[in-house]
């Protein structure tokens, strides 16, 4: 009987408690998911103009594309010009450090570009850049 009891005690001592390790792994997983920055695309490919002074912009989270026909695209959806400000406000609330980058096609009108820039400033985002290709 004593030998049987000793075997049970040895088995309990040999078992490893995995609960703290699993807690740490789940906390790390939650941390990485919350702090991850996901790349968002405007939704269409635009033929950007070339610029000699083009530089890469970091933290560009709000991408707005203007097609050659004057269509405005945000997050792969075509947006009416009157809804641009509301969409920028929503995206800026999700990431306050993000900046607005407008990808305007070479053949798009400056009127549409100015409307999008005004909407972003009205939404409270003053760091607005226009995308260009390096020469």
N, C-alpha and C. Protein backbone atom coordinates (compact mmCIF):
# COMPACT_ATOMS: atom_id res chain seq x y z
N UNK A 1 0.82 -1.18 0.00
CA UNK A 1 0.00 0.00 0.00
C UNK A 1 0.88 1.25 0.00
N UNK A 2 1.93 1.18 0.82
CA UNK A 2 2.82 2.33 0.90
C UNK A 2 3.52 2.55 -0.44
N UNK A 3 3.91 1.47 -1.11
CA UNK A 3 4.56 1.59 -2.41
C UNK A 3 3.60 2.20 -3.44
N UNK A 4 2.34 1.81 -3.42
CA UNK A 4 1.35 2.35 -4.35
C UNK A 4 1.14 3.85 -4.10
N UNK A 5 1.09 4.26 -2.85
CA UNK A 5 0.95 5.67 -2.51
C UNK A 5 2.18 6.46 -2.96
N UNK A 6 3.36 5.90 -2.82
CA UNK A 6 4.60 6.56 -3.25
C UNK A 6 4.60 6.76 -4.77
N UNK A 7 4.11 5.79 -5.53
CA UNK A 7 4.04 5.92 -6.98
C UNK A 7 3.11 7.05 -7.40
N UNK A 8 2.00 7.22 -6.70
CA UNK A 8 1.07 8.31 -7.00
C UNK A 8 1.71 9.67 -6.72
N UNK A 9 2.46 9.78 -5.64
CA UNK A 9 3.15 11.04 -5.31
C UNK A 9 4.20 11.35 -6.36
N UNK A 10 4.94 10.36 -6.82
CA UNK A 10 5.97 10.57 -7.85
C UNK A 10 5.34 11.03 -9.17
N UNK A 11 4.18 10.46 -9.52
CA UNK A 11 3.52 10.87 -10.75
C UNK A 11 3.05 12.32 -10.67
N UNK A 12 2.55 12.74 -9.52
CA UNK A 12 2.08 14.11 -9.36
C UNK A 12 3.26 15.08 -9.41
N UNK A 13 4.39 14.73 -8.85
CA UNK A 13 5.55 15.60 -8.87
C UNK A 13 6.14 15.70 -10.27
N UNK A 14 6.02 14.65 -11.07
CA UNK A 14 6.60 14.65 -12.40
C UNK A 14 5.76 15.43 -13.40
N UNK A 15 4.50 15.68 -13.11
CA UNK A 15 3.62 16.41 -14.03
C UNK A 15 4.01 17.88 -14.05
N UNK A 16 4.02 18.46 -15.24
CA UNK A 16 4.36 19.88 -15.40
C UNK A 16 3.06 20.65 -15.63
N UNK A 17 2.92 21.74 -14.90
CA UNK A 17 1.73 22.57 -15.04
C UNK A 17 1.92 23.50 -16.25
N UNK A 18 1.12 23.32 -17.28
CA UNK A 18 1.24 24.08 -18.52
C UNK A 18 0.41 25.37 -18.52
N UNK A 19 -0.40 25.59 -17.52
CA UNK A 19 -1.30 26.75 -17.50
C UNK A 19 -0.56 28.07 -17.57
N UNK A 20 0.49 28.32 -16.78
CA UNK A 20 1.16 29.63 -16.89
C UNK A 20 1.79 29.87 -18.26
N UNK A 21 2.33 28.82 -18.86
CA UNK A 21 2.92 28.99 -20.19
C UNK A 21 1.85 29.33 -21.23
N UNK A 22 0.71 28.68 -21.16
CA UNK A 22 -0.37 28.98 -22.09
C UNK A 22 -0.89 30.40 -21.88
N UNK A 23 -0.97 30.85 -20.64
CA UNK A 23 -1.39 32.23 -20.36
C UNK A 23 -0.44 33.23 -21.02
N UNK A 24 0.85 32.99 -20.90
CA UNK A 24 1.84 33.89 -21.49
C UNK A 24 1.72 33.88 -23.01
N UNK A 25 1.54 32.72 -23.61
CA UNK A 25 1.43 32.62 -25.07
C UNK A 25 0.19 33.37 -25.56
N UNK A 26 -0.93 33.22 -24.88
CA UNK A 26 -2.14 33.93 -25.30
C UNK A 26 -2.01 35.43 -25.11
N UNK A 27 -1.37 35.87 -24.06
CA UNK A 27 -1.15 37.30 -23.85
C UNK A 27 -0.26 37.87 -24.95
N UNK A 28 0.79 37.13 -25.31
CA UNK A 28 1.66 37.59 -26.40
C UNK A 28 0.91 37.63 -27.73
N UNK A 29 0.06 36.65 -27.98
CA UNK A 29 -0.74 36.63 -29.20
C UNK A 29 -1.66 37.84 -29.27
N UNK A 30 -2.33 38.15 -28.20
CA UNK A 30 -3.21 39.32 -28.15
C UNK A 30 -2.40 40.59 -28.36
N UNK A 31 -1.24 40.68 -27.74
CA UNK A 31 -0.40 41.87 -27.90
C UNK A 31 -0.01 42.08 -29.36
N UNK A 32 0.41 41.01 -30.04
CA UNK A 32 0.84 41.15 -31.42
C UNK A 32 -0.32 41.46 -32.36
N UNK A 33 -1.49 40.93 -32.07
CA UNK A 33 -2.65 41.23 -32.91
C UNK A 33 -3.05 42.69 -32.75
N UNK A 34 -3.04 43.19 -31.53
CA UNK A 34 -3.46 44.57 -31.28
C UNK A 34 -2.47 45.57 -31.87
N UNK A 35 -1.19 45.27 -31.81
CA UNK A 35 -0.18 46.24 -32.27
C UNK A 35 0.17 46.08 -33.74
N UNK A 36 -0.39 45.09 -34.41
CA UNK A 36 -0.06 44.87 -35.82
C UNK A 36 -0.63 45.99 -36.68
N UNK A 37 0.12 46.37 -37.66
CA UNK A 37 -0.31 47.38 -38.62
C UNK A 37 -0.57 46.69 -39.93
N UNK A 38 -1.81 46.74 -40.37
CA UNK A 38 -2.18 46.04 -41.59
C UNK A 38 -2.13 47.00 -42.77
N UNK A 39 -1.63 46.53 -43.89
CA UNK A 39 -1.53 47.35 -45.08
C UNK A 39 -2.89 47.39 -45.75
N UNK A 40 -3.35 48.59 -46.01
CA UNK A 40 -4.63 48.76 -46.68
C UNK A 40 -4.36 49.31 -48.07
N UNK A 41 -5.15 48.87 -49.01
CA UNK A 41 -4.98 49.31 -50.38
C UNK A 41 -6.20 50.14 -50.77
N UNK A 42 -5.97 51.03 -51.72
CA UNK A 42 -7.06 51.90 -52.16
C UNK A 42 -8.08 51.13 -52.98
N UNK A 43 -7.66 50.19 -53.78
CA UNK A 43 -8.60 49.38 -54.52
C UNK A 43 -8.38 49.34 -56.01
N UNK A 44 -7.69 50.31 -56.58
CA UNK A 44 -7.41 50.31 -58.01
C UNK A 44 -5.95 50.66 -58.24
N UNK A 45 -5.45 50.30 -59.40
CA UNK A 45 -4.09 50.68 -59.77
C UNK A 45 -4.16 51.98 -60.56
N UNK A 46 -3.36 52.95 -60.15
CA UNK A 46 -3.35 54.22 -60.86
C UNK A 46 -1.99 54.42 -61.51
N UNK A 47 -2.00 55.15 -62.59
CA UNK A 47 -0.78 55.49 -63.31
C UNK A 47 -0.27 56.81 -62.73
N UNK A 48 0.61 56.71 -61.73
CA UNK A 48 1.07 57.89 -61.01
C UNK A 48 2.07 58.68 -61.84
N UNK A 49 2.07 60.00 -61.68
CA UNK A 49 3.07 60.81 -62.38
C UNK A 49 4.44 60.63 -61.74
N UNK A 50 5.48 60.96 -62.50
CA UNK A 50 6.85 60.84 -62.00
C UNK A 50 7.28 62.16 -61.38
N UNK A 51 8.11 62.05 -60.34
CA UNK A 51 8.65 63.24 -59.67
C UNK A 51 10.08 62.97 -59.28
N UNK A 52 10.95 63.96 -59.46
CA UNK A 52 12.36 63.80 -59.12
C UNK A 52 12.57 63.80 -57.62
N UNK A 53 11.67 64.40 -56.86
CA UNK A 53 11.83 64.52 -55.41
C UNK A 53 10.93 63.56 -54.65
N UNK A 54 10.45 62.51 -55.30
CA UNK A 54 9.57 61.55 -54.63
C UNK A 54 10.34 60.80 -53.55
N UNK A 55 9.73 60.71 -52.36
CA UNK A 55 10.32 59.98 -51.24
C UNK A 55 9.29 59.01 -50.69
N UNK A 56 9.79 57.95 -50.05
CA UNK A 56 8.90 56.96 -49.45
C UNK A 56 8.28 57.52 -48.19
N UNK A 57 6.98 57.33 -48.03
CA UNK A 57 6.25 57.84 -46.88
C UNK A 57 5.94 56.69 -45.94
N UNK A 58 6.37 56.80 -44.69
CA UNK A 58 6.07 55.78 -43.68
C UNK A 58 4.74 56.10 -43.01
N UNK A 59 4.13 55.09 -42.46
CA UNK A 59 2.87 55.19 -41.72
C UNK A 59 1.73 55.76 -42.57
N UNK A 60 1.72 55.45 -43.84
CA UNK A 60 0.63 55.90 -44.70
C UNK A 60 -0.49 54.88 -44.61
N UNK A 61 -1.43 55.12 -43.73
CA UNK A 61 -2.48 54.13 -43.50
C UNK A 61 -3.78 54.45 -44.24
N UNK A 62 -3.97 55.68 -44.64
CA UNK A 62 -5.19 56.05 -45.33
C UNK A 62 -4.83 56.32 -46.78
N UNK A 63 -5.09 55.34 -47.63
CA UNK A 63 -4.77 55.45 -49.04
C UNK A 63 -6.04 55.76 -49.81
N UNK A 64 -5.99 56.80 -50.62
CA UNK A 64 -7.13 57.21 -51.43
C UNK A 64 -6.65 57.24 -52.88
N UNK A 65 -7.36 56.55 -53.76
CA UNK A 65 -7.00 56.52 -55.17
C UNK A 65 -8.01 57.31 -55.98
N UNK A 66 -7.51 58.06 -56.95
CA UNK A 66 -8.36 58.79 -57.89
C UNK A 66 -8.03 58.25 -59.28
N UNK A 67 -9.03 57.69 -59.94
CA UNK A 67 -8.81 57.09 -61.26
C UNK A 67 -8.77 58.17 -62.33
N UNK A 68 -8.46 57.75 -63.55
CA UNK A 68 -8.39 58.69 -64.65
C UNK A 68 -9.77 59.26 -65.01
N UNK A 69 -10.83 58.60 -64.56
CA UNK A 69 -12.20 59.08 -64.81
C UNK A 69 -12.73 59.92 -63.66
N UNK A 70 -11.90 60.15 -62.64
CA UNK A 70 -12.33 60.95 -61.49
C UNK A 70 -13.03 60.16 -60.40
N UNK A 71 -12.97 58.83 -60.47
CA UNK A 71 -13.58 58.00 -59.43
C UNK A 71 -12.66 57.97 -58.22
N UNK A 72 -13.25 58.01 -57.03
CA UNK A 72 -12.49 57.99 -55.78
C UNK A 72 -12.68 56.62 -55.14
N UNK A 73 -11.55 55.98 -54.78
CA UNK A 73 -11.58 54.64 -54.20
C UNK A 73 -10.88 54.67 -52.85
N UNK A 74 -11.54 54.10 -51.83
CA UNK A 74 -10.97 53.92 -50.50
C UNK A 74 -11.32 52.50 -50.05
N UNK A 75 -10.31 51.75 -49.61
CA UNK A 75 -10.50 50.37 -49.13
C UNK A 75 -11.25 49.50 -50.13
N UNK A 76 -10.84 49.58 -51.39
CA UNK A 76 -11.39 48.76 -52.46
C UNK A 76 -12.87 49.02 -52.72
N UNK A 77 -13.34 50.20 -52.33
CA UNK A 77 -14.73 50.58 -52.58
C UNK A 77 -14.75 51.94 -53.26
N UNK A 78 -15.65 52.07 -54.21
CA UNK A 78 -15.81 53.37 -54.86
C UNK A 78 -16.64 54.26 -53.93
N UNK A 79 -16.12 55.47 -53.68
CA UNK A 79 -16.72 56.39 -52.73
C UNK A 79 -17.16 57.65 -53.47
N UNK A 80 -18.33 58.15 -53.12
CA UNK A 80 -18.77 59.44 -53.65
C UNK A 80 -17.95 60.55 -53.00
N UNK A 81 -17.76 61.64 -53.71
CA UNK A 81 -16.93 62.72 -53.20
C UNK A 81 -17.50 63.31 -51.91
N UNK A 82 -18.81 63.22 -51.72
CA UNK A 82 -19.43 63.75 -50.49
C UNK A 82 -19.19 62.86 -49.28
N UNK A 83 -18.82 61.59 -49.51
CA UNK A 83 -18.59 60.66 -48.41
C UNK A 83 -17.12 60.51 -48.05
N UNK A 84 -16.25 61.24 -48.73
CA UNK A 84 -14.81 61.09 -48.49
C UNK A 84 -14.45 61.54 -47.07
N UNK A 85 -14.99 62.66 -46.62
CA UNK A 85 -14.65 63.18 -45.30
C UNK A 85 -15.05 62.19 -44.20
N UNK A 86 -16.24 61.61 -44.28
CA UNK A 86 -16.69 60.65 -43.27
C UNK A 86 -15.80 59.41 -43.24
N UNK A 87 -15.39 58.94 -44.42
CA UNK A 87 -14.51 57.76 -44.48
C UNK A 87 -13.14 58.07 -43.89
N UNK A 88 -12.61 59.25 -44.17
CA UNK A 88 -11.30 59.62 -43.62
C UNK A 88 -11.39 59.76 -42.11
N UNK A 89 -12.48 60.36 -41.61
CA UNK A 89 -12.65 60.48 -40.16
C UNK A 89 -12.68 59.12 -39.49
N UNK A 90 -13.38 58.16 -40.10
CA UNK A 90 -13.45 56.81 -39.53
C UNK A 90 -12.09 56.14 -39.54
N UNK A 91 -11.37 56.22 -40.66
CA UNK A 91 -10.05 55.58 -40.75
C UNK A 91 -9.03 56.27 -39.84
N UNK A 92 -9.16 57.58 -39.69
CA UNK A 92 -8.24 58.31 -38.81
C UNK A 92 -8.52 57.98 -37.34
N UNK A 93 -9.77 57.72 -37.00
CA UNK A 93 -10.10 57.32 -35.63
C UNK A 93 -9.51 55.95 -35.31
N UNK A 94 -9.43 55.06 -36.32
CA UNK A 94 -8.83 53.74 -36.11
C UNK A 94 -7.33 53.84 -35.90
N UNK A 95 -6.68 54.78 -36.58
CA UNK A 95 -5.23 54.94 -36.46
C UNK A 95 -4.89 56.43 -36.47
N UNK A 96 -4.83 57.07 -35.30
CA UNK A 96 -4.58 58.52 -35.25
C UNK A 96 -3.20 58.95 -35.76
N UNK A 97 -2.22 58.04 -35.78
CA UNK A 97 -0.88 58.41 -36.26
C UNK A 97 -0.77 58.30 -37.77
N UNK A 98 -1.77 57.73 -38.43
CA UNK A 98 -1.71 57.52 -39.86
C UNK A 98 -1.82 58.81 -40.65
N UNK A 99 -1.30 58.77 -41.86
CA UNK A 99 -1.36 59.93 -42.74
C UNK A 99 -2.19 59.57 -43.98
N UNK A 100 -2.59 60.59 -44.71
CA UNK A 100 -3.37 60.39 -45.93
C UNK A 100 -2.42 60.47 -47.12
N UNK A 101 -2.48 59.48 -47.99
CA UNK A 101 -1.73 59.50 -49.23
C UNK A 101 -2.75 59.37 -50.37
N UNK A 102 -2.73 60.35 -51.25
CA UNK A 102 -3.64 60.36 -52.39
C UNK A 102 -2.87 59.87 -53.60
N UNK A 103 -3.38 58.81 -54.21
CA UNK A 103 -2.78 58.24 -55.41
C UNK A 103 -3.63 58.70 -56.59
N UNK A 104 -3.26 59.83 -57.18
CA UNK A 104 -4.04 60.38 -58.28
C UNK A 104 -3.44 59.96 -59.61
N UNK A 105 -4.28 59.52 -60.52
CA UNK A 105 -3.83 59.15 -61.85
C UNK A 105 -3.36 60.39 -62.62
N UNK A 106 -2.47 60.17 -63.57
CA UNK A 106 -1.96 61.29 -64.38
C UNK A 106 -3.08 62.05 -65.08
N UNK A 107 -4.10 61.32 -65.50
CA UNK A 107 -5.17 61.92 -66.29
C UNK A 107 -6.33 62.41 -65.42
N UNK A 108 -6.26 62.27 -64.10
CA UNK A 108 -7.33 62.76 -63.25
C UNK A 108 -7.27 64.28 -63.16
N UNK A 109 -8.39 64.87 -62.82
CA UNK A 109 -8.45 66.34 -62.77
C UNK A 109 -7.97 66.84 -61.42
N UNK A 110 -7.43 68.04 -61.41
CA UNK A 110 -6.99 68.63 -60.15
C UNK A 110 -8.19 69.01 -59.29
N UNK A 111 -9.35 69.19 -59.91
CA UNK A 111 -10.55 69.51 -59.14
C UNK A 111 -10.87 68.39 -58.16
N UNK A 112 -10.81 67.14 -58.64
CA UNK A 112 -11.08 66.00 -57.76
C UNK A 112 -10.01 65.88 -56.69
N UNK A 113 -8.76 66.11 -57.06
CA UNK A 113 -7.66 66.06 -56.10
C UNK A 113 -7.85 67.09 -55.00
N UNK A 114 -8.23 68.31 -55.36
CA UNK A 114 -8.43 69.38 -54.38
C UNK A 114 -9.62 69.05 -53.48
N UNK A 115 -10.67 68.46 -54.03
CA UNK A 115 -11.83 68.08 -53.20
C UNK A 115 -11.44 67.04 -52.16
N UNK A 116 -10.61 66.07 -52.55
CA UNK A 116 -10.17 65.03 -51.62
C UNK A 116 -9.25 65.64 -50.55
N UNK A 117 -8.36 66.53 -50.96
CA UNK A 117 -7.47 67.19 -50.00
C UNK A 117 -8.27 68.03 -49.01
N UNK A 118 -9.27 68.76 -49.49
CA UNK A 118 -10.12 69.56 -48.61
C UNK A 118 -10.89 68.67 -47.64
N UNK A 119 -11.39 67.54 -48.13
CA UNK A 119 -12.13 66.62 -47.27
C UNK A 119 -11.24 66.05 -46.18
N UNK A 120 -9.99 65.75 -46.51
CA UNK A 120 -9.09 65.20 -45.49
C UNK A 120 -8.74 66.26 -44.45
N UNK A 121 -8.56 67.49 -44.87
CA UNK A 121 -8.28 68.55 -43.90
C UNK A 121 -9.52 68.84 -43.05
N UNK A 122 -10.70 68.77 -43.66
CA UNK A 122 -11.93 68.96 -42.88
C UNK A 122 -12.14 67.83 -41.89
N UNK A 123 -11.59 66.65 -42.20
CA UNK A 123 -11.69 65.51 -41.29
C UNK A 123 -10.66 65.59 -40.17
N UNK A 124 -9.77 66.58 -40.23
CA UNK A 124 -8.78 66.75 -39.16
C UNK A 124 -7.42 66.15 -39.46
N UNK A 125 -7.20 65.68 -40.67
CA UNK A 125 -5.92 65.11 -41.05
C UNK A 125 -5.21 66.14 -41.94
N UNK A 126 -4.14 66.72 -41.42
CA UNK A 126 -3.44 67.76 -42.16
C UNK A 126 -2.16 67.25 -42.82
N UNK A 127 -1.77 66.03 -42.52
CA UNK A 127 -0.59 65.43 -43.14
C UNK A 127 -1.06 64.67 -44.38
N UNK A 128 -1.16 65.39 -45.50
CA UNK A 128 -1.66 64.83 -46.75
C UNK A 128 -0.52 64.83 -47.76
N UNK A 129 -0.32 63.69 -48.41
CA UNK A 129 0.73 63.58 -49.43
C UNK A 129 0.10 63.08 -50.73
N UNK A 130 0.77 63.41 -51.82
CA UNK A 130 0.33 62.94 -53.12
C UNK A 130 1.37 61.96 -53.62
N UNK A 131 0.92 60.77 -54.01
CA UNK A 131 1.82 59.71 -54.44
C UNK A 131 2.37 60.00 -55.83
N UNK A 132 3.65 59.71 -56.01
CA UNK A 132 4.32 59.85 -57.30
C UNK A 132 5.34 58.74 -57.43
N UNK A 133 5.75 58.49 -58.67
CA UNK A 133 6.79 57.50 -58.90
C UNK A 133 8.13 58.20 -59.01
N UNK A 134 9.18 57.50 -58.56
CA UNK A 134 10.52 58.06 -58.72
C UNK A 134 10.93 57.97 -60.17
N UNK A 135 11.69 58.96 -60.63
CA UNK A 135 12.14 58.96 -62.02
C UNK A 135 13.26 57.97 -62.22
